[in-house]
Amino acid sequence: MGKITLLGVGVLCLMLVSNVFASEKVHNFDMGVESSYFIFKQSSDNVKEKGSLSGVFGTYTFKPQIENWLTKVVNVFKIDAHFAYGNPNYKSSGNSTGVKDYLFEPRLLLGKDFLLSRVTVTPYSGFGYRLFFRDGKTEDGFADDKYQYFYLPIGVSAEKELQSGWKIGALLEYDFLLNGSYAQASSELSNSLNTVTDTKNTLNKGYGIRAAINFGKKVGKVDLAVSPYVRYWSIGKSNTATYYVNGVPFTYQAGKSSAMELGLGLGMKF
């Protein structure tokens, strides 16, 4: 997608990033678009990626209005996900402008609303999954890469209603990596002279951080919101895995990696 399309998607997403806003409704739906600048690095292969990503997101939030033993502990149930796509500049042992990146991240979150001095504060936790897939150009000597993270998000969001239907909110979250993997489709590089097997490494050390600020305005029956955000991951070295070239064993260890998204979302809640 072109930069203009990405920007438009980002504007639409910003309105939808109102997922940190509190509401008296039992069922809330958020949807929108995001546009971000993506930076990825991996030390073992001297991989560097920079470029734009654009995508969409959606959130369903359930806030039961009854009081019982459960809602005294948890009264916010949320399912959210975002998907992003881009064609960043890729550098490693060589350069390629044909690499395509895909990000998919669904999450299940549980939280509790507290009203403190007219500010709704919601601590939350849950379970998250992150998939980063790089579609390489094998004719240029680049194989497909797949990074998977299973993690525990621990965060807090806050929202305050202002005058004339305006709202302001913020979110801060720490993501604890539970388990993960890095897989490289090395067999795609096989030719008539060499047969190469795939490699898969385990990732068990790392963390993520995300933060956002949201500005919203009620327009009719929907809330429109714009939100600048940052999402960051730092992953330690993997274990050592074995792959084979013409039956001969070799070992590979994925080095430290980091990924950052600096973006803007536009969204609406209804």
Protein backbone atom coordinates (compact mmCIF):
# COMPACT_ATOMS: atom_id res chain seq x y z
CA MET A 1 0.00 0.00 0.00
CA GLY A 2 1.19 3.50 -0.75
CA LYS A 3 2.06 6.08 1.85
CA ILE A 4 -1.17 7.98 1.20
CA THR A 5 -3.22 4.84 1.75
CA LEU A 6 -1.24 4.04 4.89
CA LEU A 7 -1.85 7.52 6.22
CA GLY A 8 -5.53 7.26 5.52
CA VAL A 9 -5.67 3.90 7.23
CA GLY A 10 -3.77 5.36 10.13
CA VAL A 11 -6.21 8.23 10.49
CA LEU A 12 -9.11 5.84 10.51
CA CYS A 13 -7.34 3.68 13.08
CA LEU A 14 -6.65 6.54 15.42
CA MET A 15 -10.36 7.04 15.84
CA LEU A 16 -10.73 3.40 16.79
CA VAL A 17 -8.03 3.29 19.37
CA SER A 18 -10.58 4.36 21.95
CA ASN A 19 -10.19 1.00 23.61
CA VAL A 20 -8.92 2.62 26.82
CA PHE A 21 -12.06 4.70 27.20
CA ALA A 22 -14.59 3.66 29.80
CA SER A 23 -18.29 3.32 28.99
CA GLU A 24 -21.53 2.55 30.78
CA LYS A 25 -22.60 0.27 27.93
CA VAL A 26 -22.51 -3.48 28.44
CA HIS A 27 -21.18 -4.22 24.94
CA ASN A 28 -18.66 -2.00 23.19
CA PHE A 29 -17.10 -2.39 19.76
CA ASP A 30 -14.01 -0.56 18.51
CA MET A 31 -12.61 -0.67 15.02
CA GLY A 32 -10.21 1.42 13.03
CA VAL A 33 -6.97 1.75 11.15
CA GLU A 34 -3.32 2.18 12.11
CA SER A 35 -0.23 3.48 10.39
CA SER A 36 3.25 3.09 11.89
CA TYR A 37 6.97 3.34 11.24
CA PHE A 38 8.50 -0.09 11.90
CA ILE A 39 12.10 -0.78 12.96
CA PHE A 40 13.42 -4.33 13.39
CA LYS A 41 16.94 -5.52 14.23
CA GLN A 42 18.52 -8.93 14.81
CA SER A 43 22.16 -9.22 15.84
CA SER A 44 23.07 -12.74 14.62
CA ASP A 45 22.50 -12.02 10.91
CA ASN A 46 22.97 -8.26 11.14
CA VAL A 47 19.35 -7.87 10.03
CA LYS A 48 17.95 -4.34 9.85
CA GLU A 49 14.50 -3.39 8.66
CA LYS A 50 12.91 0.04 8.43
CA GLY A 51 9.69 1.08 6.78
CA SER A 52 5.98 1.77 7.02
CA LEU A 53 3.27 -0.62 8.16
CA SER A 54 -0.46 -0.11 7.82
CA GLY A 55 -3.28 -2.15 9.20
CA VAL A 56 -6.58 -2.48 11.00
CA PHE A 57 -7.69 -3.32 14.52
CA GLY A 58 -10.83 -4.37 16.32
CA THR A 59 -11.90 -4.72 19.94
CA TYR A 60 -14.91 -6.18 21.70
CA THR A 61 -15.40 -5.18 25.34
CA PHE A 62 -17.97 -6.67 27.71
CA LYS A 63 -18.78 -4.81 30.96
CA PRO A 64 -21.51 -6.58 32.93
CA GLN A 65 -23.72 -4.18 34.90
CA ILE A 66 -24.57 -6.65 37.65
CA GLU A 67 -22.67 -7.03 40.89
CA ASN A 68 -21.63 -10.45 42.13
CA TRP A 69 -18.53 -12.19 43.43
CA LEU A 70 -16.95 -12.23 39.97
CA THR A 71 -17.54 -8.59 39.01
CA LYS A 72 -16.11 -7.50 42.35
CA VAL A 73 -12.80 -8.87 41.05
CA VAL A 74 -13.14 -8.57 37.25
CA ASN A 75 -15.69 -6.38 35.48
CA VAL A 76 -13.99 -5.78 32.13
CA PHE A 77 -13.66 -8.60 29.57
CA LYS A 78 -11.95 -7.73 26.32
CA ILE A 79 -10.91 -9.41 23.07
CA ASP A 80 -8.75 -7.34 20.75
CA ALA A 81 -6.57 -7.90 17.72
CA HIS A 82 -4.64 -5.92 15.16
CA PHE A 83 -3.19 -6.82 11.78
CA ALA A 84 -0.54 -4.84 9.90
CA TYR A 85 1.22 -5.19 6.59
CA GLY A 86 4.18 -3.44 4.99
CA ASN A 87 7.04 -3.57 2.51
CA PRO A 88 10.02 -2.20 4.47
CA ASN A 89 13.62 -1.89 3.38
CA TYR A 90 15.50 -5.04 4.42
CA LYS A 91 19.25 -5.30 4.96
CA SER A 92 21.30 -8.31 5.98
CA SER A 93 24.03 -10.02 3.98
CA GLY A 94 22.33 -8.28 1.06
CA ASN A 95 19.53 -5.82 0.39
CA SER A 96 16.03 -6.58 -0.82
CA THR A 97 13.13 -4.27 -1.55
CA GLY A 98 10.77 -7.19 -2.19
CA VAL A 99 10.45 -8.38 1.42
CA LYS A 100 6.92 -8.21 2.81
CA ASP A 101 6.13 -8.10 6.53
CA TYR A 102 2.94 -9.21 8.26
CA LEU A 103 2.01 -8.67 11.92
CA PHE A 104 -0.95 -10.33 13.64
CA GLU A 105 -1.64 -9.99 17.36
CA PRO A 106 -4.84 -11.27 19.07
CA ARG A 107 -5.28 -10.87 22.85
CA LEU A 108 -7.67 -11.79 25.66
CA LEU A 109 -7.73 -9.28 28.53
CA LEU A 110 -9.43 -9.15 31.94
CA GLY A 111 -9.58 -6.02 34.07
CA LYS A 112 -11.30 -4.09 36.82
CA ASP A 113 -12.62 -0.50 36.58
CA PHE A 114 -11.99 1.87 39.48
CA LEU A 115 -13.32 5.42 39.66
CA LEU A 116 -10.72 7.71 41.24
CA SER A 117 -11.44 11.45 41.35
CA ARG A 118 -13.49 11.37 38.13
CA VAL A 119 -10.83 9.28 36.39
CA THR A 120 -11.59 5.68 35.45
CA VAL A 121 -8.50 3.54 36.08
CA THR A 122 -8.42 -0.04 34.80
CA PRO A 123 -5.61 -2.43 35.73
CA TYR A 124 -5.67 -5.54 33.53
CA SER A 125 -3.89 -8.69 32.50
CA GLY A 126 -4.57 -11.67 30.24
CA PHE A 127 -2.93 -13.59 27.41
CA GLY A 128 -1.44 -12.43 24.12
CA TYR A 129 -0.07 -13.96 20.94
CA ARG A 130 2.12 -12.14 18.41
CA LEU A 131 3.03 -13.40 14.96
CA PHE A 132 5.59 -11.59 12.82
CA PHE A 133 6.01 -13.15 9.40
CA ARG A 134 8.55 -11.98 6.84
CA ASP A 135 7.90 -13.11 3.28
CA GLY A 136 11.35 -13.16 1.69
CA LYS A 137 12.32 -13.16 -1.98
CA THR A 138 13.93 -16.56 -2.43
CA GLU A 139 15.27 -15.68 -5.87
CA ASP A 140 17.42 -13.04 -4.15
CA GLY A 141 18.58 -15.50 -1.50
CA PHE A 142 16.13 -14.55 1.26
CA ALA A 143 14.08 -17.20 3.05
CA ASP A 144 10.79 -16.72 4.91
CA ASP A 145 11.06 -15.99 8.63
CA LYS A 146 8.41 -16.51 11.32
CA TYR A 147 8.58 -15.12 14.87
CA GLN A 148 5.96 -16.23 17.39
CA TYR A 149 5.55 -14.86 20.93
CA PHE A 150 3.20 -16.09 23.64
CA TYR A 151 3.09 -13.53 26.42
CA LEU A 152 1.44 -12.25 29.59
CA PRO A 153 0.34 -8.60 29.33
CA ILE A 154 0.21 -6.57 32.56
CA GLY A 155 -1.05 -3.04 32.18
CA VAL A 156 -3.19 -0.16 33.29
CA SER A 157 -5.37 2.24 31.32
CA ALA A 158 -6.94 5.49 32.45
CA GLU A 159 -9.68 7.71 31.01
CA LYS A 160 -11.23 11.01 31.97
CA GLU A 161 -14.26 12.71 30.48
CA LEU A 162 -13.81 16.40 29.75
CA GLN A 163 -16.29 19.06 28.73
CA SER A 164 -18.31 19.08 25.47
CA GLY A 165 -18.03 15.33 24.96
CA TRP A 166 -14.24 15.20 24.86
CA LYS A 167 -12.23 12.39 26.48
CA ILE A 168 -8.57 11.83 27.15
CA GLY A 169 -6.99 8.51 28.00
CA ALA A 170 -3.67 6.74 28.35
CA LEU A 171 -2.34 3.22 28.46
CA LEU A 172 0.88 1.67 29.74
CA GLU A 173 1.66 -2.04 29.51
CA TYR A 174 4.47 -4.50 30.19
CA ASP A 175 4.48 -7.80 28.27
CA PHE A 176 6.25 -10.78 29.83
CA LEU A 177 7.38 -13.35 27.27
CA LEU A 178 6.18 -16.83 28.27
CA ASN A 179 7.53 -18.71 25.27
CA GLY A 180 8.32 -18.12 21.64
CA SER A 181 10.01 -19.42 18.53
CA TYR A 182 11.90 -18.30 15.45
CA ALA A 183 11.59 -20.42 12.33
CA GLN A 184 13.43 -19.95 9.05
CA ALA A 185 12.27 -21.67 5.87
CA SER A 186 15.82 -22.50 4.79
CA SER A 187 14.55 -25.27 2.49
CA GLU A 188 13.29 -22.52 0.17
CA LEU A 189 16.95 -21.82 -0.62
CA SER A 190 17.54 -25.39 -1.80
CA ASN A 191 18.64 -25.84 -5.42
CA SER A 192 19.94 -28.57 -7.67
CA LEU A 193 23.30 -28.51 -5.88
CA ASN A 194 22.21 -28.18 -2.24
CA THR A 195 19.35 -29.47 -0.14
CA VAL A 196 18.80 -27.36 2.98
CA THR A 197 16.40 -28.15 5.83
CA ASP A 198 14.37 -25.63 7.82
CA THR A 199 15.50 -24.35 11.21
CA LYS A 200 13.44 -23.59 14.31
CA ASN A 201 14.79 -21.97 17.47
CA THR A 202 13.13 -21.55 20.85
CA LEU A 203 12.84 -18.09 22.41
CA ASN A 204 12.31 -17.89 26.17
CA LYS A 205 13.81 -14.56 27.25
CA GLY A 206 12.30 -11.21 26.41
CA TYR A 207 9.73 -8.56 27.11
CA GLY A 208 7.54 -6.00 25.43
CA ILE A 209 6.31 -2.51 26.29
CA ARG A 210 3.42 -0.58 24.81
CA ALA A 211 2.08 2.87 25.55
CA ALA A 212 -0.59 5.09 24.01
CA ILE A 213 -2.35 8.39 24.52
CA ASN A 214 -5.92 8.75 23.30
CA PHE A 215 -7.94 11.82 22.45
CA GLY A 216 -11.64 11.20 21.83
CA LYS A 217 -14.78 13.10 20.95
CA LYS A 218 -18.37 11.91 21.14
CA VAL A 219 -20.15 12.49 17.84
CA GLY A 220 -23.75 11.33 17.87
CA LYS A 221 -23.85 7.74 19.07
CA VAL A 222 -20.18 6.97 18.46
CA ASP A 223 -16.86 8.01 19.95
CA LEU A 224 -14.15 9.07 17.51
CA ALA A 225 -10.57 8.83 18.73
CA VAL A 226 -7.03 9.52 17.61
CA SER A 227 -4.11 7.84 19.35
CA PRO A 228 -0.33 8.03 18.99
CA TYR A 229 1.28 4.84 20.26
CA VAL A 230 4.54 2.96 20.66
CA ARG A 231 5.02 -0.82 20.81
CA TYR A 232 8.41 -2.30 21.56
CA TRP A 233 9.82 -5.82 21.92
CA SER A 234 13.26 -6.95 23.08
CA ILE A 235 14.06 -10.65 22.72
CA GLY A 236 17.17 -12.44 23.96
CA LYS A 237 19.25 -15.06 22.17
CA SER A 238 17.52 -18.30 21.21
CA ASN A 239 18.61 -21.83 21.93
CA THR A 240 20.87 -23.60 19.41
CA ALA A 241 19.10 -25.60 16.71
CA THR A 242 20.40 -28.00 14.10
CA TYR A 243 19.75 -27.87 10.37
CA TYR A 244 21.19 -29.93 7.52
CA VAL A 245 22.82 -29.13 4.18
CA ASN A 246 22.99 -32.25 1.99
CA GLY A 247 22.70 -34.34 5.15
CA VAL A 248 25.56 -32.57 6.93
CA PRO A 249 24.50 -31.07 10.31
CA PHE A 250 25.04 -27.40 11.13
CA THR A 251 23.95 -25.38 14.14
CA TYR A 252 22.32 -21.98 14.29
CA GLN A 253 21.48 -19.61 17.15
CA ALA A 254 19.26 -16.59 16.60
CA GLY A 255 20.77 -13.49 18.17
CA LYS A 256 19.11 -10.75 20.15
CA SER A 257 16.34 -8.93 18.35
CA SER A 258 14.21 -5.85 18.84
CA ALA A 259 11.12 -4.50 17.13
CA MET A 260 9.50 -1.08 17.47
CA GLU A 261 6.33 0.43 16.06
CA LEU A 262 5.85 4.20 16.28
CA GLY A 263 2.36 4.81 15.06
CA LEU A 264 -0.90 6.63 14.94
CA GLY A 265 -4.35 5.12 15.14
CA LEU A 266 -7.78 6.38 14.10
CA GLY A 267 -10.88 4.67 15.32
CA MET A 268 -14.45 4.78 16.49
CA LYS A 269 -16.37 3.10 19.27
CA PHE A 270 -20.02 2.20 19.19
